[in-house]
Protein backbone atom coordinates (compact mmCIF):
# COMPACT_ATOMS: atom_id res chain seq x y z
CA UNK A 1 101.92 -14.40 46.36
CA UNK A 2 101.97 -10.59 46.43
CA UNK A 3 99.13 -8.31 47.52
CA UNK A 4 97.72 -7.77 44.03
CA UNK A 5 97.62 -11.51 43.37
CA UNK A 6 95.68 -12.04 46.62
CA UNK A 7 93.12 -9.44 45.57
CA UNK A 8 92.90 -10.91 42.05
CA UNK A 9 92.01 -14.28 43.59
CA UNK A 10 89.40 -12.73 45.87
CA UNK A 11 87.52 -10.92 43.10
CA UNK A 12 86.83 -14.26 41.43
CA UNK A 13 84.39 -14.95 44.26
CA UNK A 14 82.47 -11.67 44.01
CA UNK A 15 79.00 -12.31 42.51
CA UNK A 16 78.68 -11.06 38.94
CA UNK A 17 75.28 -9.65 39.88
CA UNK A 18 77.08 -7.27 42.21
CA UNK A 19 80.31 -6.45 40.33
CA UNK A 20 81.19 -7.81 36.90
CA UNK A 21 84.92 -7.19 36.50
CA UNK A 22 84.84 -8.42 32.89
CA UNK A 23 82.78 -5.40 31.87
CA UNK A 24 84.22 -1.88 31.45
CA UNK A 25 83.09 0.63 34.01
CA UNK A 26 80.11 2.79 33.13
CA UNK A 27 81.06 6.24 31.94
CA UNK A 28 79.98 8.99 34.30
CA UNK A 29 78.13 12.08 33.14
CA UNK A 30 79.69 15.42 33.95
CA UNK A 31 77.64 17.04 36.76
CA UNK A 32 76.07 20.29 35.66
CA UNK A 33 75.10 21.86 38.98
CA UNK A 34 76.22 21.50 42.59
CA UNK A 35 73.97 21.85 45.63
CA UNK A 36 74.60 23.25 49.09
CA UNK A 37 74.27 19.75 50.50
CA UNK A 38 76.88 18.41 48.05
CA UNK A 39 79.42 21.07 49.01
CA UNK A 40 78.80 20.53 52.73
CA UNK A 41 79.38 16.79 52.26
CA UNK A 42 82.58 17.54 50.33
CA UNK A 43 83.77 19.86 53.09
CA UNK A 44 83.01 17.20 55.69
CA UNK A 45 84.92 14.62 53.65
CA UNK A 46 87.93 16.92 53.33
CA UNK A 47 87.85 17.52 57.09
CA UNK A 48 87.70 13.77 57.81
CA UNK A 49 90.67 13.18 55.53
CA UNK A 50 92.71 15.89 57.28
CA UNK A 51 91.66 14.53 60.68
CA UNK A 52 93.04 11.06 59.91
CA UNK A 53 96.26 12.38 58.35
CA UNK A 54 96.95 14.70 61.29
CA UNK A 55 96.26 11.95 63.84
CA UNK A 56 98.79 9.64 62.19
CA UNK A 57 101.42 12.32 61.67
CA UNK A 58 101.14 13.59 65.24
CA UNK A 59 101.61 10.13 66.78
CA UNK A 60 103.88 8.11 64.49
CA UNK A 61 107.66 8.29 64.75
CA UNK A 62 108.43 6.25 61.66
CA UNK A 63 105.50 6.74 59.25
CA UNK A 64 103.86 9.67 57.52
CA UNK A 65 100.43 10.20 55.94
CA UNK A 66 100.17 12.40 52.84
CA UNK A 67 97.32 13.64 50.68
CA UNK A 68 97.10 11.75 47.39
CA UNK A 69 93.48 11.53 46.22
CA UNK A 70 92.44 13.50 43.17
CA UNK A 71 90.52 16.52 44.38
CA UNK A 72 90.01 20.17 43.65
CA UNK A 73 88.13 23.14 45.06
CA UNK A 74 86.21 23.36 41.79
CA UNK A 75 82.56 22.26 41.81
CA UNK A 76 80.01 21.76 39.04
CA UNK A 77 79.19 25.14 37.57
CA UNK A 78 82.65 26.64 38.20
CA UNK A 79 84.83 27.62 35.26
CA UNK A 80 87.27 24.81 34.48
CA UNK A 81 85.26 22.11 36.27
CA UNK A 82 84.40 20.18 33.09
CA UNK A 83 88.07 19.87 32.17
CA UNK A 84 89.00 18.80 35.70
CA UNK A 85 86.23 16.19 35.78
CA UNK A 86 87.18 14.74 32.39
CA UNK A 87 90.82 14.51 33.45
CA UNK A 88 89.69 12.68 36.58
CA UNK A 89 87.68 10.19 34.50
CA UNK A 90 90.65 9.58 32.20
CA UNK A 91 92.85 8.86 35.20
CA UNK A 92 90.33 6.33 36.54
CA UNK A 93 90.71 4.37 33.32
CA UNK A 94 94.49 4.69 33.33
CA UNK A 95 95.55 3.89 36.91
CA UNK A 96 92.27 3.50 38.82
CA UNK A 97 90.98 5.58 41.73
CA UNK A 98 93.58 7.17 43.94
CA UNK A 99 92.93 6.60 47.67
CA UNK A 100 92.68 9.81 49.65
CA UNK A 101 95.84 9.21 51.68
CA UNK A 102 99.08 7.29 51.30
CA UNK A 103 101.13 5.99 54.22
CA UNK A 104 104.92 5.97 53.76
CA UNK A 105 107.84 4.98 55.90
CA UNK A 106 109.62 8.20 56.78
CA UNK A 107 112.75 6.75 55.18
CA UNK A 108 110.83 6.66 51.86
CA UNK A 109 109.10 10.04 52.28
CA UNK A 110 110.06 12.62 49.66
CA UNK A 111 110.50 15.99 51.41
CA UNK A 112 110.57 17.84 48.10
CA UNK A 113 107.12 16.54 47.12
CA UNK A 114 105.79 17.24 50.60
CA UNK A 115 102.52 16.26 52.26
CA UNK A 116 100.23 16.85 49.28
CA UNK A 117 100.82 15.12 45.94
CA UNK A 118 97.18 15.21 44.82
CA UNK A 119 97.82 17.69 42.03
CA UNK A 120 100.91 15.97 40.63
CA UNK A 121 100.39 13.95 37.41
CA UNK A 122 100.42 10.23 38.07
CA UNK A 123 103.18 9.60 35.51
CA UNK A 124 105.55 11.77 37.56
CA UNK A 125 105.01 9.99 40.88
CA UNK A 126 104.22 6.40 39.84
CA UNK A 127 107.44 4.91 41.22
CA UNK A 128 107.09 6.93 44.42
CA UNK A 129 103.52 5.73 45.01
CA UNK A 130 104.65 2.10 44.78
CA UNK A 131 106.79 2.66 47.88
CA UNK A 132 103.72 3.36 50.05
CA UNK A 133 102.79 0.73 52.63
CA UNK A 134 99.03 1.49 52.30
CA UNK A 135 96.45 3.66 50.63
CA UNK A 136 93.51 4.87 52.72
CA UNK A 137 90.10 5.82 51.33
CA UNK A 138 88.46 8.10 53.90
CA UNK A 139 84.67 8.25 54.15
CA UNK A 140 82.75 10.47 56.54
CA UNK A 141 79.39 10.12 58.26
CA UNK A 142 77.36 12.82 60.02
CA UNK A 143 76.55 10.54 62.96
CA UNK A 144 77.68 9.79 66.47
CA UNK A 145 77.91 6.01 66.20
CA UNK A 146 77.52 5.29 69.92
CA UNK A 147 74.39 7.46 70.15
CA UNK A 148 72.96 5.89 67.01
CA UNK A 149 73.44 2.32 68.21
CA UNK A 150 71.83 3.07 71.57
CA UNK A 151 68.83 4.67 69.85
CA UNK A 152 68.45 1.74 67.44
CA UNK A 153 68.57 -0.75 70.29
CA UNK A 154 65.80 1.10 72.14
CA UNK A 155 63.74 1.41 68.93
CA UNK A 156 64.00 -2.30 68.16
CA UNK A 157 63.09 -3.27 71.71
CA UNK A 158 60.06 -0.97 71.71
CA UNK A 159 58.72 -2.13 68.34
CA UNK A 160 59.35 -5.77 69.24
CA UNK A 161 57.37 -5.41 72.44
CA UNK A 162 54.55 -3.61 70.62
CA UNK A 163 54.45 -6.23 67.84
CA UNK A 164 54.21 -9.15 70.27
CA UNK A 165 51.54 -7.39 72.31
CA UNK A 166 49.54 -6.70 69.14
CA UNK A 167 49.86 -10.35 68.07
CA UNK A 168 48.56 -11.49 71.47
CA UNK A 169 45.70 -9.00 71.37
CA UNK A 170 44.55 -10.22 67.94
CA UNK A 171 44.65 -13.88 69.01
CA UNK A 172 42.90 -13.18 72.33
CA UNK A 173 40.15 -10.80 71.20
CA UNK A 174 39.48 -11.64 67.56
CA UNK A 175 40.03 -15.40 67.35
CA UNK A 176 36.35 -16.00 66.56
CA UNK A 177 36.67 -13.87 63.44
CA UNK A 178 39.92 -15.55 62.40
CA UNK A 179 38.44 -19.03 62.78
CA UNK A 180 36.15 -18.40 59.81
CA UNK A 181 37.23 -20.51 56.77
CA UNK A 182 38.28 -17.54 54.65
CA UNK A 183 40.40 -16.04 57.47
CA UNK A 184 41.87 -19.02 59.30
CA UNK A 185 45.11 -18.90 57.29
CA UNK A 186 46.16 -15.93 59.44
CA UNK A 187 46.18 -17.97 62.67
CA UNK A 188 49.37 -19.99 61.94
CA UNK A 189 51.02 -16.82 60.61
CA UNK A 190 50.33 -15.01 63.88
CA UNK A 191 51.41 -17.97 66.01
CA UNK A 192 54.71 -18.16 64.11
CA UNK A 193 55.61 -14.58 65.07
CA UNK A 194 58.09 -14.55 67.95
CA UNK A 195 61.15 -12.68 69.18
CA UNK A 196 63.26 -14.95 66.96
CA UNK A 197 61.13 -14.55 63.80
CA UNK A 198 60.26 -10.84 63.89
CA UNK A 199 63.27 -10.03 61.74
CA UNK A 200 61.93 -12.19 58.86
CA UNK A 201 58.16 -12.22 59.43
CA UNK A 202 55.89 -10.95 56.65
CA UNK A 203 52.24 -11.06 55.65
CA UNK A 204 49.70 -9.18 53.58
CA UNK A 205 47.35 -6.88 55.48
CA UNK A 206 43.87 -8.31 54.82
CA UNK A 207 41.79 -5.24 53.95
CA UNK A 208 38.61 -6.28 55.81
CA UNK A 209 36.00 -3.56 56.26
CA UNK A 210 32.51 -5.12 56.28
CA UNK A 211 31.91 -4.70 60.02
CA UNK A 212 33.15 -2.56 62.90
CA UNK A 213 35.06 -5.45 64.51
CA UNK A 214 36.62 -6.45 61.18
CA UNK A 215 37.78 -2.86 60.69
CA UNK A 216 39.33 -2.95 64.18
CA UNK A 217 41.01 -6.28 63.40
CA UNK A 218 42.30 -4.99 60.10
CA UNK A 219 43.79 -1.92 61.82
CA UNK A 220 45.58 -4.17 64.31
CA UNK A 221 47.10 -6.07 61.39
CA UNK A 222 48.26 -2.74 59.92
CA UNK A 223 49.90 -1.78 63.22
CA UNK A 224 51.58 -5.18 63.46
CA UNK A 225 52.86 -4.89 59.89
CA UNK A 226 54.23 -1.38 60.55
CA UNK A 227 56.05 -2.51 63.68
CA UNK A 228 57.60 -5.48 61.87
CA UNK A 229 58.80 -3.21 59.05
CA UNK A 230 60.51 -0.93 61.58
CA UNK A 231 62.22 -3.91 63.23
CA UNK A 232 63.49 -5.12 59.85
CA UNK A 233 65.11 -1.83 58.83
CA UNK A 234 68.92 -1.78 58.74
CA UNK A 235 69.99 -0.89 62.27
CA UNK A 236 73.74 -0.36 61.87
CA UNK A 237 75.91 2.48 60.63
CA UNK A 238 78.10 1.41 57.80
CA UNK A 239 81.36 1.64 55.93
CA UNK A 240 80.20 2.52 52.44
CA UNK A 241 82.15 1.52 49.33
CA UNK A 242 80.28 2.35 46.13
CA UNK A 243 79.76 -0.59 43.78
CA UNK A 244 81.16 1.50 40.92
CA UNK A 245 84.32 2.17 42.96
CA UNK A 246 85.15 -1.51 43.49
CA UNK A 247 86.43 -1.78 39.90
CA UNK A 248 88.55 1.36 39.98
CA UNK A 249 90.01 0.50 43.40
CA UNK A 250 90.99 -2.88 41.95
CA UNK A 251 92.53 -1.08 38.96
CA UNK A 252 94.64 1.07 41.30
CA UNK A 253 95.81 -2.02 43.22
CA UNK A 254 96.65 -3.71 39.91
CA UNK A 255 98.72 -0.66 38.96
CA UNK A 256 100.65 -0.13 42.20
CA UNK A 257 100.38 -3.36 44.27
CA UNK A 258 99.77 -1.33 47.46
CA UNK A 259 97.30 -2.48 50.16
CA UNK A 260 94.04 -0.53 50.20
CA UNK A 261 91.98 0.29 53.30
CA UNK A 262 88.68 2.09 53.96
CA UNK A 263 88.31 4.36 57.01
CA UNK A 264 84.85 5.53 58.08
CA UNK A 265 85.00 8.69 60.18
CA UNK A 266 82.10 9.38 62.53
CA UNK A 267 81.93 12.40 64.80
CA UNK A 268 82.86 10.29 67.81
CA UNK A 269 84.94 7.36 66.48
CA UNK A 270 86.74 6.02 63.40
CA UNK A 271 86.49 2.48 62.02
CA UNK A 272 88.60 0.79 59.34
CA UNK A 273 88.29 -2.23 57.09
CA UNK A 274 90.67 -3.62 54.47
CA UNK A 275 89.71 -4.01 50.83
CA UNK A 276 90.47 -7.73 51.24
CA UNK A 277 87.87 -8.02 53.97
CA UNK A 278 85.32 -6.06 51.93
CA UNK A 279 85.70 -8.50 49.03
CA UNK A 280 85.46 -11.47 51.41
CA UNK A 281 82.27 -10.14 53.02
CA UNK A 282 80.41 -9.28 49.81
CA UNK A 283 81.34 -12.67 48.33
CA UNK A 284 79.41 -14.46 51.09
CA UNK A 285 75.64 -14.47 50.39
CA UNK A 286 74.97 -15.61 53.96
CA UNK A 287 76.22 -12.22 55.20
CA UNK A 288 73.83 -10.15 53.08
CA UNK A 289 71.15 -8.59 55.24
CA UNK A 290 73.18 -9.36 58.35
CA UNK A 291 76.65 -7.88 57.89
CA UNK A 292 76.07 -5.89 54.70
CA UNK A 293 73.31 -4.62 52.47
CA UNK A 294 73.24 -3.28 48.92
CA UNK A 295 71.17 -0.13 48.50
CA UNK A 296 70.51 2.69 46.07
CA UNK A 297 71.65 5.90 47.76
CA UNK A 298 69.09 8.63 47.08
CA UNK A 299 71.52 11.21 48.44
CA UNK A 300 74.13 10.20 45.87
CA UNK A 301 72.35 10.16 42.49
CA UNK A 302 70.83 6.75 43.36
CA UNK A 303 74.25 5.12 42.99
CA UNK A 304 74.45 1.59 44.33
CA UNK A 305 76.25 1.50 47.67
CA UNK A 306 77.53 -1.48 49.62
CA UNK A 307 76.82 -0.79 53.29
CA UNK A 308 78.96 -2.92 55.59
CA UNK A 309 78.40 -2.90 59.33
CA UNK A 310 81.14 -0.68 60.75
CA UNK A 311 81.68 -3.12 63.60
CA UNK A 312 82.84 -5.67 61.00
CA UNK A 313 85.95 -3.56 60.76
CA UNK A 314 88.13 -2.47 63.65
CA UNK A 315 88.14 0.69 65.73
CA UNK A 316 90.91 2.99 64.53
CA UNK A 317 90.13 5.96 66.79
CA UNK A 318 88.34 5.47 70.10
CA UNK A 319 87.44 9.15 70.40
CA UNK A 320 86.95 12.15 68.10
CA UNK A 321 86.77 15.77 69.20
CA UNK A 322 84.20 17.51 67.03
CA UNK A 323 85.39 20.33 64.75
CA UNK A 324 84.28 23.92 64.70
CA UNK A 325 81.85 24.70 61.90
CA UNK A 326 80.59 27.79 60.16
CA UNK A 327 78.33 28.79 57.30
CA UNK A 328 79.85 30.05 54.03
CA UNK A 329 78.26 31.95 51.16
CA UNK A 330 79.33 31.06 47.61
CA UNK A 331 78.20 33.04 44.58
CA UNK A 332 77.87 30.99 41.40
CA UNK A 333 77.70 32.19 37.82
CA UNK A 334 74.43 33.92 36.91
CA UNK A 335 74.13 35.12 40.51
CA UNK A 336 73.03 31.85 42.10
CA UNK A 337 73.91 31.69 45.80
CA UNK A 338 74.88 28.57 47.73
CA UNK A 339 75.24 28.39 51.49
CA UNK A 340 77.17 25.49 52.98
CA UNK A 341 79.05 24.42 56.11
CA UNK A 342 82.81 24.20 56.55
CA UNK A 343 84.68 22.29 59.27
CA UNK A 344 87.90 23.12 61.06
CA UNK A 345 89.88 21.56 63.89
CA UNK A 346 88.91 18.59 65.99
CA UNK A 347 91.12 15.62 66.80
CA UNK A 348 91.09 11.83 66.50
CA UNK A 349 92.60 9.71 69.28
CA UNK A 350 94.10 6.62 67.68
CA UNK A 351 93.97 3.06 68.90
CA UNK A 352 97.56 2.52 67.80
CA UNK A 353 97.43 -1.24 68.23
CA UNK A 354 94.41 -1.55 65.91
CA UNK A 355 95.87 0.92 63.43
CA UNK A 356 99.08 -1.07 63.22
CA UNK A 357 97.09 -4.28 62.80
CA UNK A 358 95.17 -2.96 59.80
CA UNK A 359 98.36 -1.44 58.31
CA UNK A 360 100.19 -4.73 58.77
CA UNK A 361 103.05 -3.33 60.84
CA UNK A 362 104.39 -3.99 64.33
CA UNK A 363 103.38 -1.51 67.00
CA UNK A 364 107.00 -0.99 68.07
CA UNK A 365 107.82 0.01 64.49
CA UNK A 366 105.09 2.66 64.31
C-alpha cells in the first residue's frame, strides 16, 4: 500500500460533520483589501518558512529543502492581485494545495531549477515534484511556547484554588439559604465540584437579589462561574490546519503521492506533525476538547481551524534564535498607507533525530 492509499483509507474515518470529502470545496471570494496585520502575518510566515529551509540545508549532507508553495509579494489591492488569486484557486482545483517546502535527496535535486520553484507552472515540474520525499506546510505563531505553557499552568492553578475556596465559602457561610426548597438543588452541584471535575463543571448563576445576603451569595456564584470558565479555556498552543485546507492537501497527495507534514514555528521552538497523524487525531471523538479543538478563527475571516496540541507532534527544533524586525511603510492605491513588520535572520537548531523520524529516513542517511 503506497502513501496515498494509506491517506485515502484514513479519510474514511474523518467525521462528515468536520470534513465532507464527497462535496466540492467552497469557492473563495477574492479579498478586496489587505490590512497591516495581514501583511505582518504573511511576513512572519515567510520568515518561518525560510528559517526551516535554512536549518535543513545548513545541517543535511544528503537532502535539500526548496521553496515550492504558491506565493507572491502581491496583496489585495495591488495591481495584478486578482489574476494571481484566481490562478491560485484554479491550481487548488487542479493539483491541490502546494506545501510550502519540498524535501529532495540531493541526488534528485535539479540545480537548474534551483531552490525556489514556487513560480514555475505545475505542469512543467509535475514529474520533478513526485521525486520529493516530503512536502512541509509551515505555520508560524507569535508565541514563546515554553513561556506560554508556564503561564497557563500558573493561571489554571490560581483559578482552581480560587474556585475551590469560593465553593467552600458558599457551603460554609450560606448553607442556611441554600437549604430552602427552591435553592437546595445547588447543594449537590457545589459538592460535586472538585479538582477532578472543574474542567467539566457547569451551572446557571441564580440571579437572586431580594436580600443583602442573597445578593452576596449570588455574587459568589458569579465568581465561581467565572473561575470555572477560565479553567476550561483551551490551555495549549496548537498546530493549526484549516478545515478548508484538509481537502486540498488531500488533493495534492492524490496528485503526487508524496508524504505531507505540518511544521508549527514558534519563536523559541518548532514542532511537527504528519498529515496521517492529523487525520487519525481528528477522527477520534474522544480526543476532541483534550488533544484538539475546532474553532472559528476571528483573526482569519472566521474560517474554521483545527487546533491540535503542539505536544501531540514532535519537537523538530529545540531552540530558535529570534529574528531582527523592523517597521515598513507601504503606500497603496488611492494613497492609503499600511505599516507592517518584517523579519530577518534568526536560526533554528534542529533535533535531527526527531526530524529524521518525521521524514521517515535514517539519521545516518541525513
